[in-house]
């Protein structure tokens, strides 16, 4: 093997190691089961006082959040969001909501 080829292979290997990989696991609503903290994404279809319905195409779920942060955030039907929270027995309690533009809406439990 020529020394030029060896250097080329080494640089390729180094370049491959330098690529940052960031993967956030998403859970589909239709596949939720009792667990601690998970992240789900979808479209807001309805908003109530301290809850909203989130639809990801596999199912819908009522997401519980505190009413004050929801009012201040002015969340709207049709908006795409990512919600991190806790799921237990058909209830999803939000810890944070992230809008499609990256804005984070922290939810503080009273």
Protein backbone atom coordinates (compact mmCIF):
# COMPACT_ATOMS: atom_id res chain seq x y z
CA UNK A 1 0.00 0.00 0.00
CA UNK A 2 1.32 3.47 -0.89
CA UNK A 3 1.88 5.95 1.93
CA UNK A 4 -0.56 8.41 0.29
CA UNK A 5 -3.35 5.84 0.48
CA UNK A 6 -2.67 5.15 4.15
CA UNK A 7 -2.86 8.88 5.00
CA UNK A 8 -6.14 9.20 3.07
CA UNK A 9 -7.68 6.32 5.02
CA UNK A 10 -6.51 7.77 8.34
CA UNK A 11 -8.01 11.18 7.55
CA UNK A 12 -11.30 9.58 6.56
CA UNK A 13 -11.44 7.69 9.85
CA UNK A 14 -10.64 10.85 11.84
CA UNK A 15 -13.28 12.84 9.93
CA UNK A 16 -15.89 10.18 10.70
CA UNK A 17 -15.10 10.43 14.42
CA UNK A 18 -15.47 14.22 14.40
CA UNK A 19 -19.12 14.24 13.25
CA UNK A 20 -21.38 14.98 16.25
CA UNK A 21 -24.43 12.76 16.49
CA UNK A 22 -27.47 14.00 18.38
CA UNK A 23 -30.51 11.78 18.39
CA UNK A 24 -33.48 12.43 20.67
CA UNK A 25 -35.74 9.43 21.07
CA UNK A 26 -39.35 10.16 20.22
CA UNK A 27 -42.19 8.01 21.48
CA UNK A 28 -45.31 7.63 19.35
CA UNK A 29 -48.55 8.28 21.22
CA UNK A 30 -49.99 4.99 19.97
CA UNK A 31 -47.06 3.15 21.56
CA UNK A 32 -47.13 4.81 25.00
CA UNK A 33 -47.10 2.65 28.07
CA UNK A 34 -46.62 3.46 31.75
CA UNK A 35 -43.17 4.92 32.09
CA UNK A 36 -41.31 7.76 33.72
CA UNK A 37 -40.20 10.61 31.44
CA UNK A 38 -40.72 10.48 27.66
CA UNK A 39 -40.82 12.91 24.75
CA UNK A 40 -43.68 13.03 22.25
CA UNK A 41 -44.36 15.32 19.29
CA UNK A 42 -47.46 16.21 17.34
CA UNK A 43 -50.07 18.80 16.50
CA UNK A 44 -52.20 20.58 19.08
CA UNK A 45 -55.83 19.94 18.13
CA UNK A 46 -57.76 21.46 21.07
CA UNK A 47 -56.88 23.56 24.11
CA UNK A 48 -58.68 23.70 27.44
CA UNK A 49 -57.85 25.52 30.69
CA UNK A 50 -54.82 23.46 31.73
CA UNK A 51 -54.88 20.70 29.11
CA UNK A 52 -54.58 20.24 25.37
CA UNK A 53 -54.99 17.37 22.95
CA UNK A 54 -51.88 16.30 21.03
CA UNK A 55 -52.13 14.18 17.86
CA UNK A 56 -49.07 12.55 16.24
CA UNK A 57 -50.89 10.59 13.56
CA UNK A 58 -50.79 7.32 15.57
CA UNK A 59 -53.14 8.51 18.28
CA UNK A 60 -54.25 11.38 20.46
CA UNK A 61 -53.58 12.10 24.10
CA UNK A 62 -54.65 14.73 26.60
CA UNK A 63 -51.58 16.58 27.84
CA UNK A 64 -51.93 18.13 31.27
CA UNK A 65 -50.00 21.32 31.95
CA UNK A 66 -50.38 24.27 34.28
CA UNK A 67 -52.91 26.82 33.01
CA UNK A 68 -50.75 29.92 33.63
CA UNK A 69 -47.81 28.82 31.43
CA UNK A 70 -50.26 27.71 28.72
CA UNK A 71 -52.04 31.09 28.75
CA UNK A 72 -48.73 33.00 28.74
CA UNK A 73 -47.40 30.88 25.87
CA UNK A 74 -50.57 31.46 23.84
CA UNK A 75 -50.45 27.93 22.42
CA UNK A 76 -52.73 27.56 19.38
CA UNK A 77 -54.64 24.73 17.68
CA UNK A 78 -52.70 23.49 14.67
CA UNK A 79 -49.35 24.29 16.28
CA UNK A 80 -46.65 21.59 16.16
CA UNK A 81 -44.96 20.97 19.51
CA UNK A 82 -42.70 18.52 21.30
CA UNK A 83 -43.68 17.68 24.88
CA UNK A 84 -41.48 16.11 27.52
CA UNK A 85 -43.30 14.69 30.50
CA UNK A 86 -44.52 11.73 32.48
CA UNK A 87 -47.04 9.16 31.28
CA UNK A 88 -49.02 6.99 33.66
CA UNK A 89 -52.37 5.27 33.07
CA UNK A 90 -53.62 7.37 30.13
CA UNK A 91 -52.44 10.67 31.62
CA UNK A 92 -49.55 12.67 30.20
CA UNK A 93 -48.28 15.40 32.49
CA UNK A 94 -46.07 17.94 30.72
CA UNK A 95 -42.76 19.07 32.19
CA UNK A 96 -41.80 21.19 29.18
CA UNK A 97 -43.20 22.08 25.77
CA UNK A 98 -41.01 23.04 22.82
CA UNK A 99 -42.47 24.87 19.85
CA UNK A 100 -41.40 24.11 16.27
CA UNK A 101 -39.28 27.30 16.31
CA UNK A 102 -37.30 25.96 19.29
CA UNK A 103 -38.93 28.15 21.96
CA UNK A 104 -39.13 26.21 25.23
CA UNK A 105 -42.15 26.60 27.51
CA UNK A 106 -41.30 25.27 30.99
CA UNK A 107 -44.24 23.90 32.97
CA UNK A 108 -44.02 24.24 36.73
CA UNK A 109 -46.24 21.90 38.70
CA UNK A 110 -48.04 23.58 41.60
